Amino acid sequence: MVRGALPRFCFALIFLSVVDLASASVGVVSSSPPYQVFIPSVYVPPPTPVSSVIYRDDFSDPSSGWPISDTTDARYDYNGGEYQILLRSSGDTAIAESGFSGSNVNVQVDARLATTSPGIYGILLDVSPDGNSFYLFTAEYVGSSNLYRVVNGVWTRLSAGGGFGGSQLAQHHLTAVRSGSLIDGYVDGVLTVSADDSTLSEGRVGLAAQTFSFQSNVDARFDNFVVQNEMSWATRADMPAPRSYFGAAASNGMIYTFGGTPPEGGPALNTVEAFDPVTNSWTERAQMPTGRFDAGVVTAADGSIYVIGGEGSDGGDLNTVERYDPVSNTWTPRAPMPTARSALGVVRAENGKIYAIGGSRYDGSTQVATVEIYDPTNDAWTTGPSLPEPDSGFAAVVGPDRRIYVFGGCCSALNPPEFDTVEALDPWTNSWSVVATTPSMFLRPSAVTALNNKIYIVGGGIAANNFVGSGGSGGHVEEYNPLNGTWTFRATSPYSDGSAAVLTSNGKIEILGACARYLVAICQSTEEGTIPAPGTLTESSRIVTHRSSSNTHLLSAP
């Protein structure tokens, strides 16, 4: 046994002889179970790395630290601005580790095959120090993608989905996301595999190539390798009771929820509950005078909270406005909104005035473009500039540039498709404009402006009312930069769409009333997301390893 040390990053080559993975089912790998196990595919654009990028390599520099080795079984080398893993033997897996070790990461790479024979390539997560345990996300031409867990050499397939089409000689974009216990794999922006597994929690990341038992000589090429920080999630105390279509707002370090509908149906709720993120506890507060759901909720400049409009127990739209004082725990009626509506957006502008934007009437089949402005000081309403077109079920938020942004929504709740536009109201010109398109068509998402001056879109539905997260498609958090109009896929939440998302005073995002993933139901979970700061790469010695089916050799790196 010979160990070699180099001064840059820690990389490893691992060569594994395994059974025929193409015939394995989800579960412990065996020789003949059925191969096709599909989960819903949801389009998500490939992430655009921003300030949270930890490591990037376009493989143009052969001295960037990836291992170089050529043996009877496999070749690892830089080749024409790409990294090459040429696997010569059949029924095997060859792995090259990178120098980054951590948890909650987003790993991306462009991959292709340089040969016309079928082949498999993939991304590694959470590789143990001895290389015997890891997660492996793979994709193959006109076949399937797979997510494996390997623990001390025992292979278990956790999930399987569709592969990539088109030419196998063309580049395809792979993304593997680890967020808490959730692991997702994307092929060309489509979610194909997903699993909830906490067996392995932290380790190195890297690249892999595989051959089937009936073939050899798979030449996998990789480019644009990126490691990015992922949002981390922590489960918080459940809401006291499950409900949906409630409103939420934060004031003085506390988070308050208002109204909604119970899971068994029935009259609109007038329930008010307060969540303390410090003590991780819920308490009941004074009930709303008017039971309602799908109302607009916003915190005023003085810390009081306004509940505006919504739908009442009789199914009719409300114009009722009620002010809640969290300090005295009391309610006060205020001037009614001129236009009764529900599923509207409500925000407080920099001047302290409250904008009630869009919404729907009656059964949700009629959307409105109405914008009305409330002055809390004078308890009076005025008419504002209408939306470019009627909209409801969207997310509205004031951005860091003081403009009011509207994300997604729908022309009609009963007549999809949803909108994929971002509209902004300029308070100086008092006019709307379309400033961007959304990567997905959101229906009923939440939006918060974080302390890093980015806007985060949480949950919601896409593509004909298919909620992001319901039925196994995964909860999404996408980041919008209003300064340059760009999007970044930031996280997959451990839960599906939350009924509301609120930014706390310490910059964390609280998802309230979330459903456990793959469960289509009204739920009550609370999930806290931490937005990552820019990361760093820990440098250490490099070890190059070649492993056969029975022997392990530690070789000195070139």
Protein backbone atom coordinates (compact mmCIF):
# COMPACT_ATOMS: atom_id res chain seq x y z
CA MET A 1 0.00 0.00 0.00
CA VAL A 2 1.46 3.32 -1.10
CA ARG A 3 -0.05 6.70 -0.20
CA GLY A 4 0.80 9.85 -2.16
CA ALA A 5 0.22 13.42 -1.05
CA LEU A 6 -0.14 16.54 -3.17
CA PRO A 7 -0.64 20.13 -2.02
CA ARG A 8 -3.94 21.04 -3.75
CA PHE A 9 -7.34 19.44 -3.48
CA CYS A 10 -8.23 15.99 -2.26
CA PHE A 11 -9.34 13.79 -5.15
CA ALA A 12 -9.79 10.05 -5.46
CA LEU A 13 -10.33 7.48 -8.15
CA ILE A 14 -12.55 4.62 -7.11
CA PHE A 15 -13.19 1.63 -9.34
CA LEU A 16 -16.09 -0.58 -8.30
CA SER A 17 -17.09 -3.95 -9.64
CA VAL A 18 -20.83 -4.38 -9.11
CA VAL A 19 -23.73 -6.45 -10.38
CA ASP A 20 -25.65 -5.35 -13.47
CA LEU A 21 -27.18 -2.05 -12.34
CA ALA A 22 -29.39 -1.81 -15.40
CA SER A 23 -31.60 -4.61 -14.11
CA ALA A 24 -31.81 -3.39 -10.53
CA SER A 25 -35.02 -2.23 -8.89
CA VAL A 26 -35.45 0.40 -6.24
CA GLY A 27 -34.01 -1.34 -3.19
CA VAL A 28 -30.98 -3.55 -2.72
CA VAL A 29 -29.41 -4.23 -6.11
CA SER A 30 -30.14 -7.66 -7.54
CA SER A 31 -29.94 -9.33 -10.93
CA SER A 32 -33.46 -9.29 -12.35
CA PRO A 33 -36.09 -6.96 -10.77
CA PRO A 34 -37.99 -4.59 -13.10
CA TYR A 35 -36.07 -1.53 -14.21
CA GLN A 36 -38.71 1.08 -15.01
CA VAL A 37 -39.75 2.95 -11.88
CA PHE A 38 -40.90 6.47 -12.67
CA ILE A 39 -41.78 9.55 -10.63
CA PRO A 40 -43.39 12.72 -12.02
CA SER A 41 -41.03 14.99 -13.97
CA VAL A 42 -41.22 18.72 -13.33
CA TYR A 43 -39.33 21.29 -15.37
CA VAL A 44 -36.84 23.31 -13.37
CA PRO A 45 -34.19 25.38 -15.13
CA PRO A 46 -30.58 24.35 -14.50
CA PRO A 47 -29.33 26.42 -11.57
CA THR A 48 -27.30 29.51 -12.33
CA PRO A 49 -24.40 29.70 -9.84
CA VAL A 50 -24.15 33.01 -8.03
CA SER A 51 -22.33 34.20 -4.92
CA SER A 52 -22.80 30.87 -3.16
CA VAL A 53 -20.53 29.00 -5.59
CA ILE A 54 -17.95 27.03 -3.62
CA TYR A 55 -15.99 25.43 -6.42
CA ARG A 56 -15.97 25.63 -10.21
CA ASP A 57 -13.85 23.86 -12.83
CA ASP A 58 -14.17 23.98 -16.63
CA PHE A 59 -11.31 21.46 -16.93
CA SER A 60 -9.31 23.77 -19.20
CA ASP A 61 -6.35 23.56 -16.81
CA PRO A 62 -4.89 20.03 -16.50
CA SER A 63 -3.25 21.06 -13.23
CA SER A 64 -6.55 22.02 -11.55
CA GLY A 65 -6.26 18.96 -9.35
CA TRP A 66 -8.46 16.19 -10.75
CA PRO A 67 -6.73 12.81 -10.79
CA ILE A 68 -4.87 11.55 -13.83
CA SER A 69 -4.39 7.80 -14.19
CA ASP A 70 -4.41 5.12 -16.90
CA THR A 71 -4.84 1.44 -16.00
CA THR A 72 -6.12 -1.68 -17.68
CA ASP A 73 -9.65 -0.99 -16.45
CA ALA A 74 -10.02 2.78 -16.67
CA ARG A 75 -8.46 6.01 -17.77
CA TYR A 76 -8.88 9.35 -15.96
CA ASP A 77 -7.49 12.44 -17.68
CA TYR A 78 -8.04 15.95 -19.01
CA ASN A 79 -8.95 15.80 -22.68
CA GLY A 80 -9.62 18.80 -24.92
CA GLY A 81 -11.05 21.05 -22.20
CA GLU A 82 -13.11 18.25 -20.63
CA TYR A 83 -12.50 15.69 -17.92
CA GLN A 84 -12.52 12.11 -19.18
CA ILE A 85 -13.44 8.86 -17.47
CA LEU A 86 -12.90 6.01 -19.93
CA LEU A 87 -14.19 2.79 -18.40
CA ARG A 88 -12.87 -0.21 -20.34
CA SER A 89 -14.29 -3.12 -18.34
CA SER A 90 -17.92 -4.26 -18.28
CA GLY A 91 -20.42 -4.14 -15.41
CA ASP A 92 -18.37 -1.66 -13.42
CA THR A 93 -18.37 1.84 -11.98
CA ALA A 94 -15.46 4.27 -12.06
CA ILE A 95 -15.45 7.29 -9.76
CA ALA A 96 -13.36 10.45 -9.48
CA GLU A 97 -13.82 12.44 -6.27
CA SER A 98 -13.46 16.20 -5.99
CA GLY A 99 -11.89 18.19 -3.20
CA PHE A 100 -15.06 19.55 -1.66
CA SER A 101 -16.59 17.96 1.41
CA GLY A 102 -19.82 19.20 2.93
CA SER A 103 -23.58 18.86 3.24
CA ASN A 104 -26.51 20.72 1.68
CA VAL A 105 -24.93 21.15 -1.74
CA ASN A 106 -26.04 21.64 -5.32
CA VAL A 107 -23.67 19.92 -7.80
CA GLN A 108 -23.91 20.52 -11.53
CA VAL A 109 -22.01 19.27 -14.56
CA ASP A 110 -22.36 19.08 -18.33
CA ALA A 111 -21.79 15.50 -19.47
CA ARG A 112 -21.68 13.59 -22.74
CA LEU A 113 -20.56 10.29 -24.22
CA ALA A 114 -17.70 10.32 -26.71
CA THR A 115 -18.65 6.88 -28.08
CA THR A 116 -21.77 5.61 -29.83
CA SER A 117 -22.19 2.61 -27.53
CA PRO A 118 -24.69 2.96 -24.63
CA GLY A 119 -23.24 4.36 -21.47
CA ILE A 120 -23.97 5.88 -18.08
CA TYR A 121 -22.50 8.88 -16.28
CA GLY A 122 -23.32 10.59 -13.02
CA ILE A 123 -22.64 12.73 -9.96
CA LEU A 124 -21.43 11.62 -6.53
CA LEU A 125 -22.62 13.00 -3.18
CA ASP A 126 -21.52 12.37 0.41
CA VAL A 127 -18.55 10.12 -0.32
CA SER A 128 -17.12 8.75 2.93
CA PRO A 129 -13.40 9.18 3.72
CA ASP A 130 -12.68 5.53 2.86
CA GLY A 131 -14.72 5.71 -0.36
CA ASN A 132 -16.90 2.76 0.60
CA SER A 133 -20.12 4.76 1.09
CA PHE A 134 -21.79 7.43 -1.07
CA TYR A 135 -24.86 8.47 -3.05
CA LEU A 136 -24.67 8.21 -6.84
CA PHE A 137 -27.02 9.91 -9.32
CA THR A 138 -26.70 8.51 -12.84
CA ALA A 139 -28.29 9.09 -16.25
CA GLU A 140 -28.18 7.07 -19.44
CA TYR A 141 -29.13 7.46 -23.08
CA VAL A 142 -32.80 6.64 -23.88
CA GLY A 143 -33.12 4.71 -20.67
CA SER A 144 -33.40 5.76 -17.08
CA SER A 145 -31.75 7.78 -14.38
CA ASN A 146 -31.07 6.27 -10.99
CA LEU A 147 -30.25 7.31 -7.47
CA TYR A 148 -28.19 4.79 -5.51
CA ARG A 149 -27.07 4.63 -1.92
CA VAL A 150 -23.88 2.64 -1.38
CA VAL A 151 -22.98 1.76 2.21
CA ASN A 152 -19.83 -0.25 2.77
CA GLY A 153 -20.08 -1.65 -0.74
CA VAL A 154 -23.79 -2.61 -0.55
CA TRP A 155 -25.78 -0.97 -3.36
CA THR A 156 -29.40 0.14 -2.86
CA ARG A 157 -31.38 1.92 -5.53
CA LEU A 158 -33.52 4.61 -3.90
CA SER A 159 -35.26 6.04 -6.95
CA ALA A 160 -35.43 5.74 -10.73
CA GLY A 161 -36.77 7.91 -13.51
CA GLY A 162 -36.34 8.90 -17.15
CA GLY A 163 -32.99 9.32 -18.87
CA PHE A 164 -32.02 11.75 -21.61
CA GLY A 165 -33.09 11.76 -25.24
CA GLY A 166 -31.60 13.18 -28.40
CA SER A 167 -28.03 12.42 -29.35
CA GLN A 168 -25.97 10.69 -26.69
CA LEU A 169 -22.94 12.47 -28.15
CA ALA A 170 -24.48 15.83 -27.18
CA GLN A 171 -23.94 17.44 -23.80
CA HIS A 172 -26.61 17.02 -21.15
CA HIS A 173 -26.87 19.00 -17.92
CA LEU A 174 -26.96 16.99 -14.69
CA THR A 175 -27.82 18.46 -11.31
CA ALA A 176 -27.73 16.64 -7.99
CA VAL A 177 -29.17 18.49 -4.98
CA ARG A 178 -28.75 17.53 -1.34
CA SER A 179 -30.96 19.53 1.02
CA GLY A 180 -31.20 18.05 4.49
CA SER A 181 -32.32 14.46 4.05
CA LEU A 182 -33.70 15.09 0.54
CA ILE A 183 -31.75 14.11 -2.56
CA ASP A 184 -32.94 15.14 -6.03
CA GLY A 185 -31.51 14.46 -9.48
CA TYR A 186 -32.25 16.52 -12.60
CA VAL A 187 -31.50 15.70 -16.25
CA ASP A 188 -31.56 18.77 -18.51
CA GLY A 189 -33.62 20.62 -15.91
CA VAL A 190 -36.19 17.86 -15.40
CA LEU A 191 -36.55 16.26 -11.98
CA THR A 192 -36.18 12.52 -12.62
CA VAL A 193 -35.22 10.98 -9.26
CA SER A 194 -35.97 11.92 -5.68
CA ALA A 195 -35.50 10.29 -2.30
CA ASP A 196 -35.60 11.09 1.39
CA ASP A 197 -32.64 9.37 3.02
CA SER A 198 -30.38 10.37 5.92
CA THR A 199 -28.10 7.33 6.05
CA LEU A 200 -25.16 9.44 4.88
CA SER A 201 -24.94 13.03 5.97
CA GLU A 202 -21.71 14.59 4.69
CA GLY A 203 -18.81 13.78 2.40
CA ARG A 204 -17.04 14.56 -0.84
CA VAL A 205 -18.62 15.06 -4.25
CA GLY A 206 -17.43 13.90 -7.63
CA LEU A 207 -18.10 12.24 -11.00
CA ALA A 208 -18.72 8.70 -12.21
CA ALA A 209 -19.07 6.49 -15.29
CA GLN A 210 -20.73 3.07 -15.54
CA THR A 211 -20.86 0.18 -18.00
CA PHE A 212 -23.54 -2.46 -18.40
CA SER A 213 -22.64 -6.12 -17.96
CA PHE A 214 -22.96 -6.66 -21.72
CA GLN A 215 -20.64 -3.83 -22.80
CA SER A 216 -17.31 -2.13 -22.26
CA ASN A 217 -15.43 1.03 -23.26
CA VAL A 218 -17.73 3.82 -22.10
CA ASP A 219 -16.02 7.16 -22.67
CA ALA A 220 -17.71 9.80 -20.47
CA ARG A 221 -16.70 13.45 -20.79
CA PHE A 222 -17.48 16.19 -18.25
CA ASP A 223 -17.37 19.99 -18.36
CA ASN A 224 -18.42 23.00 -16.27
CA PHE A 225 -18.37 21.29 -12.88
CA VAL A 226 -19.91 23.51 -10.18
CA VAL A 227 -20.49 23.03 -6.46
CA GLN A 228 -22.91 25.47 -4.86
CA ASN A 229 -24.26 25.92 -1.35
CA GLU A 230 -27.81 24.72 -0.87
CA MET A 231 -30.35 26.07 1.60
CA SER A 232 -30.53 24.08 4.80
CA TRP A 233 -33.82 23.19 6.48
CA ALA A 234 -34.89 22.59 10.04
CA THR A 235 -38.26 21.26 11.18
CA ARG A 236 -40.05 23.50 13.67
CA ALA A 237 -43.10 23.06 15.88
CA ASP A 238 -46.26 22.13 14.00
CA MET A 239 -49.16 24.54 13.77
CA PRO A 240 -51.73 23.70 16.46
CA ALA A 241 -54.23 22.52 13.82
CA PRO A 242 -54.06 21.86 10.08
CA ARG A 243 -55.63 24.38 7.73
CA SER A 244 -55.15 25.87 4.28
CA TYR A 245 -55.66 29.20 2.51
CA PHE A 246 -54.73 31.13 5.64
CA GLY A 247 -52.72 34.35 5.72
CA ALA A 248 -49.51 35.06 7.61
CA ALA A 249 -47.38 38.04 8.57
CA ALA A 250 -44.47 38.82 10.88
CA SER A 251 -44.34 41.57 13.50
CA ASN A 252 -41.82 42.29 16.25
CA GLY A 253 -40.09 38.91 15.91
CA MET A 254 -43.31 36.87 15.97
CA ILE A 255 -45.21 35.22 13.10
CA TYR A 256 -49.01 35.35 13.03
CA THR A 257 -51.47 33.23 11.05
CA PHE A 258 -55.03 34.28 10.26
CA GLY A 259 -58.15 32.35 9.23
CA GLY A 260 -58.16 29.65 6.55
CA THR A 261 -60.25 26.55 6.00
CA PRO A 262 -60.24 23.31 8.04
CA PRO A 263 -59.30 19.99 6.39
CA GLU A 264 -62.81 18.59 6.77
CA GLY A 265 -64.39 21.66 5.17
CA GLY A 266 -66.94 23.82 6.89
CA PRO A 267 -67.11 27.51 7.72
CA ALA A 268 -64.16 29.85 7.20
CA LEU A 269 -62.00 30.06 10.30
CA ASN A 270 -61.43 33.14 12.43
CA THR A 271 -58.50 31.48 14.21
CA VAL A 272 -55.38 33.51 14.99
CA GLU A 273 -52.17 31.86 16.21
CA ALA A 274 -48.71 33.21 16.93
CA PHE A 275 -45.41 31.40 16.38
CA ASP A 276 -42.30 32.38 18.34
CA PRO A 277 -39.18 31.30 16.36
CA VAL A 278 -36.99 31.74 19.45
CA THR A 279 -38.95 29.41 21.74
CA ASN A 280 -40.28 27.32 18.83
CA SER A 281 -43.80 27.46 20.22
CA TRP A 282 -47.33 28.42 19.18
CA THR A 283 -49.95 30.33 21.17
CA GLU A 284 -53.58 31.23 20.47
CA ARG A 285 -54.44 34.89 20.08
CA ALA A 286 -57.67 36.91 19.90
CA GLN A 287 -59.90 35.62 17.12
CA MET A 288 -60.68 37.69 14.04
CA PRO A 289 -64.13 39.32 14.11
CA THR A 290 -64.72 37.92 10.59
CA GLY A 291 -63.94 34.35 9.63
CA ARG A 292 -62.29 34.21 6.21
CA PHE A 293 -59.80 32.50 3.91
CA ASP A 294 -57.78 33.60 0.85
CA ALA A 295 -57.46 37.07 2.41
CA GLY A 296 -54.62 39.53 2.00
CA VAL A 297 -52.48 39.96 5.12
CA VAL A 298 -49.80 42.63 5.59
CA THR A 299 -47.81 44.26 8.40
CA ALA A 300 -48.11 48.04 8.61
CA ALA A 301 -45.29 50.44 9.44
CA ASP A 302 -46.40 50.62 13.10
CA GLY A 303 -46.27 46.81 13.53
CA SER A 304 -50.01 46.30 13.38
CA ILE A 305 -51.37 43.73 10.93
CA TYR A 306 -54.18 44.29 8.41
CA VAL A 307 -56.39 41.45 7.13
CA ILE A 308 -58.07 42.53 3.89
CA GLY A 309 -60.80 40.91 1.79
CA GLY A 310 -60.92 37.15 1.28
CA GLU A 311 -63.83 34.78 1.11
CA GLY A 312 -66.36 34.24 3.89
CA SER A 313 -68.22 31.17 5.10
CA ASP A 314 -71.10 31.79 2.67
CA GLY A 315 -68.72 31.62 -0.30
CA GLY A 316 -69.04 35.32 -1.05
CA ASP A 317 -66.11 37.69 -1.47
CA LEU A 318 -65.41 40.16 1.32
CA ASN A 319 -64.40 43.81 1.32
CA THR A 320 -63.94 43.74 5.08
CA VAL A 321 -60.74 45.25 6.53
CA GLU A 322 -59.70 44.53 10.12
CA ARG A 323 -56.62 45.74 11.99
CA TYR A 324 -54.90 43.55 14.57
CA ASP A 325 -52.66 45.01 17.28
CA PRO A 326 -50.21 42.27 18.39
CA VAL A 327 -49.20 44.25 21.50
CA SER A 328 -52.72 44.68 22.95
CA ASN A 329 -54.06 41.54 21.20
CA THR A 330 -57.10 43.47 19.98
CA TRP A 331 -59.00 44.00 16.73
CA THR A 332 -60.36 47.21 15.16
CA PRO A 333 -62.58 47.48 12.06
CA ARG A 334 -61.29 49.82 9.35
CA ALA A 335 -62.67 51.34 6.16
CA PRO A 336 -63.85 48.59 3.80
CA MET A 337 -62.02 47.95 0.54
CA PRO A 338 -64.00 49.38 -2.42
CA THR A 339 -63.84 46.12 -4.43
CA ALA A 340 -64.66 42.87 -2.66
CA ARG A 341 -62.31 40.05 -3.73
CA SER A 342 -60.22 37.08 -2.61
CA ALA A 343 -56.88 35.51 -3.64
CA LEU A 344 -55.47 39.03 -3.90
CA GLY A 345 -51.97 40.31 -3.24
CA VAL A 346 -51.40 42.82 -0.45
CA VAL A 347 -48.13 44.69 0.22
CA ARG A 348 -46.96 47.74 2.12
CA ALA A 349 -45.02 50.22 0.00
CA GLU A 350 -42.14 52.33 1.24
CA ASN A 351 -44.47 55.28 1.87
CA GLY A 352 -46.46 53.17 4.33
CA LYS A 353 -49.51 52.81 2.11
CA ILE A 354 -51.02 49.38 1.51
CA TYR A 355 -51.66 48.14 -2.02
CA ALA A 356 -54.47 45.60 -2.63
CA ILE A 357 -53.67 44.04 -6.01
CA GLY A 358 -55.78 41.89 -8.33
CA GLY A 359 -57.67 38.86 -7.02
CA SER A 360 -60.76 36.89 -7.97
CA ARG A 361 -64.50 37.27 -7.57
CA TYR A 362 -67.17 34.78 -6.48
CA ASP A 363 -66.29 31.20 -7.50
CA GLY A 364 -62.78 32.07 -8.72
CA SER A 365 -63.77 32.09 -12.38
CA THR A 366 -63.51 35.88 -12.67
CA GLN A 367 -60.16 37.58 -12.11
CA VAL A 368 -59.71 41.33 -11.67
CA ALA A 369 -56.90 43.74 -12.51
CA THR A 370 -58.04 46.21 -9.85
CA VAL A 371 -55.45 47.94 -7.66
CA GLU A 372 -56.64 49.95 -4.67
CA ILE A 373 -54.45 51.81 -2.20
CA TYR A 374 -55.19 52.15 1.50
CA ASP A 375 -53.79 54.94 3.67
CA PRO A 376 -53.62 53.69 7.30
CA THR A 377 -53.12 57.22 8.61
CA ASN A 378 -56.35 58.56 7.12
CA ASP A 379 -58.24 55.23 7.01
CA ALA A 380 -59.11 55.91 3.37
CA TRP A 381 -58.91 54.16 -0.02
CA THR A 382 -57.92 55.48 -3.44
CA THR A 383 -57.71 53.87 -6.87
CA GLY A 384 -54.30 52.76 -8.13
CA PRO A 385 -52.96 51.72 -11.56
CA SER A 386 -54.56 48.48 -12.76
CA LEU A 387 -52.52 45.36 -13.48
CA PRO A 388 -51.62 44.85 -17.16
CA GLU A 389 -54.19 42.02 -17.14
CA PRO A 390 -56.44 40.36 -14.55
CA ASP A 391 -54.60 38.07 -12.16
CA SER A 392 -55.15 36.14 -8.93
CA GLY A 393 -53.34 33.52 -6.88
CA PHE A 394 -49.98 35.23 -7.39
CA ALA A 395 -47.20 36.28 -5.02
CA ALA A 396 -46.73 40.01 -4.39
CA VAL A 397 -43.75 41.54 -2.62
CA VAL A 398 -41.87 44.82 -2.35
CA GLY A 399 -38.38 44.38 -3.77
CA PRO A 400 -35.10 45.86 -2.57
CA ASP A 401 -35.47 48.53 -5.29
CA ARG A 402 -38.80 49.59 -3.72
CA ARG A 403 -40.85 48.42 -6.70
CA ILE A 404 -43.84 46.14 -6.14
CA TYR A 405 -43.40 42.76 -7.85
CA VAL A 406 -46.08 40.26 -8.89
CA PHE A 407 -45.01 36.67 -9.65
CA GLY A 408 -47.16 34.14 -11.49
CA GLY A 409 -50.86 33.66 -10.79
CA CYS A 410 -53.53 32.77 -13.28
CA CYS A 411 -55.89 34.32 -15.75
CA SER A 412 -58.58 32.12 -14.22
CA ALA A 413 -58.35 29.68 -11.37
CA LEU A 414 -60.69 27.42 -13.34
CA ASN A 415 -58.94 27.89 -16.68
CA PRO A 416 -55.14 27.31 -16.66
CA PRO A 417 -52.42 27.81 -17.86
CA GLU A 418 -50.86 29.98 -15.21
CA PHE A 419 -48.86 33.14 -15.91
CA ASP A 420 -45.09 32.95 -16.30
CA THR A 421 -44.47 36.69 -16.09
CA VAL A 422 -42.99 39.02 -13.49
CA GLU A 423 -44.65 42.41 -13.37
CA ALA A 424 -43.38 45.41 -11.45
CA LEU A 425 -45.13 48.59 -10.32
CA ASP A 426 -42.85 51.61 -10.25
CA PRO A 427 -44.08 53.81 -7.38
CA TRP A 428 -42.44 56.89 -8.93
CA THR A 429 -44.10 56.62 -12.35
CA ASN A 430 -47.15 54.81 -10.95
CA SER A 431 -47.08 52.36 -13.86
CA TRP A 432 -46.70 48.62 -14.41
CA SER A 433 -44.24 46.83 -16.69
CA VAL A 434 -43.30 43.22 -17.45
CA VAL A 435 -39.70 42.86 -16.25
CA ALA A 436 -39.01 39.12 -16.54
CA THR A 437 -40.45 35.66 -17.07
CA THR A 438 -40.55 32.97 -14.41
CA PRO A 439 -38.75 29.62 -14.86
CA SER A 440 -41.98 27.88 -13.83
CA MET A 441 -45.61 28.98 -13.95
CA PHE A 442 -46.44 29.63 -10.32
CA LEU A 443 -49.94 29.41 -8.86
CA ARG A 444 -50.43 30.43 -5.21
CA PRO A 445 -46.74 30.73 -4.32
CA SER A 446 -45.31 32.86 -1.53
CA ALA A 447 -42.61 35.49 -1.96
CA VAL A 448 -40.23 37.17 0.48
CA THR A 449 -37.48 39.74 0.03
CA ALA A 450 -34.47 38.54 1.98
CA LEU A 451 -31.72 40.48 3.69
CA ASN A 452 -29.38 39.77 0.74
CA ASN A 453 -31.64 41.88 -1.53
CA LYS A 454 -32.89 38.83 -3.44
CA ILE A 455 -36.53 37.74 -3.75
CA TYR A 456 -37.37 34.12 -2.91
CA ILE A 457 -40.39 32.35 -4.43
CA VAL A 458 -41.49 29.45 -2.27
CA GLY A 459 -43.78 26.60 -3.32
CA GLY A 460 -46.87 27.18 -5.38
CA GLY A 461 -48.28 25.27 -8.32
CA ILE A 462 -47.15 24.85 -11.90
CA ALA A 463 -48.58 23.48 -15.12
CA ALA A 464 -52.36 23.24 -14.84
CA ASN A 465 -52.65 23.50 -11.05
CA ASN A 466 -50.07 20.78 -10.32
CA PHE A 467 -48.68 22.11 -7.06
CA VAL A 468 -44.92 22.14 -6.82
CA GLY A 469 -44.29 19.38 -4.33
CA SER A 470 -47.59 17.52 -4.47
CA GLY A 471 -47.50 13.96 -5.70
CA GLY A 472 -43.75 13.67 -5.51
CA SER A 473 -42.56 16.57 -7.62
CA GLY A 474 -40.72 18.38 -4.84
CA GLY A 475 -41.09 21.80 -3.20
CA HIS A 476 -39.06 24.50 -4.93
CA VAL A 477 -37.39 27.67 -3.70
CA GLU A 478 -36.29 29.92 -6.55
CA GLU A 479 -34.28 33.11 -6.19
CA TYR A 480 -34.93 36.19 -8.29
CA ASN A 481 -32.40 39.00 -8.53
CA PRO A 482 -34.36 42.17 -9.37
CA LEU A 483 -31.16 44.05 -10.16
CA ASN A 484 -30.41 41.99 -13.27
CA GLY A 485 -33.60 39.96 -13.78
CA THR A 486 -31.93 36.56 -13.35
CA TRP A 487 -33.23 33.39 -11.68
CA THR A 488 -31.42 30.80 -9.61
CA PHE A 489 -32.92 27.52 -8.45
CA ARG A 490 -31.95 27.66 -4.78
CA ALA A 491 -33.43 24.69 -2.96
CA THR A 492 -35.78 21.80 -2.75
CA SER A 493 -37.82 22.05 0.41
CA PRO A 494 -38.34 18.97 2.58
CA TYR A 495 -42.03 19.77 2.23
CA SER A 496 -44.32 20.49 -0.66
CA ASP A 497 -45.98 23.81 -1.22
CA GLY A 498 -46.51 25.72 2.01
CA SER A 499 -49.64 27.73 2.51
CA ALA A 500 -47.52 30.73 3.49
CA ALA A 501 -43.88 31.76 3.75
CA VAL A 502 -42.65 34.56 5.99
CA LEU A 503 -39.21 36.11 6.46
CA THR A 504 -38.15 36.33 10.12
CA SER A 505 -36.18 39.19 11.63
CA ASN A 506 -32.99 37.11 11.55
CA GLY A 507 -33.31 36.46 7.83
CA LYS A 508 -34.68 32.91 7.89
CA ILE A 509 -37.65 31.78 5.80
CA GLU A 510 -40.45 30.08 7.68
CA ILE A 511 -42.80 27.87 5.63
CA LEU A 512 -46.08 27.48 7.49
CA GLY A 513 -48.74 24.84 6.98
CA ALA A 514 -46.49 22.72 4.77
CA CYS A 515 -47.29 19.19 3.66
CA ALA A 516 -44.87 16.31 4.01
CA ARG A 517 -43.47 15.54 0.60
CA TYR A 518 -45.40 13.16 -1.66
CA LEU A 519 -48.50 13.70 0.48
CA VAL A 520 -51.40 15.54 -1.09
CA ALA A 521 -53.28 16.83 1.94
CA ILE A 522 -53.91 19.85 4.13
CA CYS A 523 -51.00 19.88 6.54
CA GLN A 524 -49.66 21.83 9.48
CA SER A 525 -45.88 21.44 9.46
CA THR A 526 -43.54 24.38 9.97
CA GLU A 527 -40.20 24.35 8.15
CA GLU A 528 -37.36 26.86 8.57
CA GLY A 529 -34.95 27.55 5.72
CA THR A 530 -31.54 29.18 6.12
CA ILE A 531 -30.18 31.05 3.10
CA PRO A 532 -26.50 30.12 2.73
CA ALA A 533 -23.65 32.59 2.75
CA PRO A 534 -20.86 32.25 0.16
CA GLY A 535 -18.90 29.07 0.92
CA THR A 536 -15.23 28.17 0.88
CA LEU A 537 -13.31 25.16 -0.37
CA THR A 538 -11.16 23.34 2.17
CA GLU A 539 -7.88 22.29 0.62
CA SER A 540 -6.15 19.08 1.68
CA SER A 541 -3.87 16.42 0.29
CA ARG A 542 -4.93 14.43 -2.74
CA ILE A 543 -5.21 10.66 -2.74
CA VAL A 544 -5.67 8.62 -5.91
CA THR A 545 -7.33 5.27 -5.34
CA HIS A 546 -7.97 2.33 -7.65
CA ARG A 547 -10.30 -0.31 -6.32
CA SER A 548 -11.02 -3.68 -7.94
CA SER A 549 -13.64 -6.16 -6.77
CA SER A 550 -11.39 -7.72 -4.15
CA ASN A 551 -8.33 -5.53 -3.66
CA THR A 552 -7.72 -1.92 -2.77
CA HIS A 553 -4.59 -0.11 -3.86
CA LEU A 554 -3.62 3.41 -2.80
CA LEU A 555 -1.41 4.84 -5.53
CA SER A 556 0.69 7.99 -5.50
CA ALA A 557 -0.85 10.70 -7.65
CA PRO A 558 1.10 12.06 -10.59
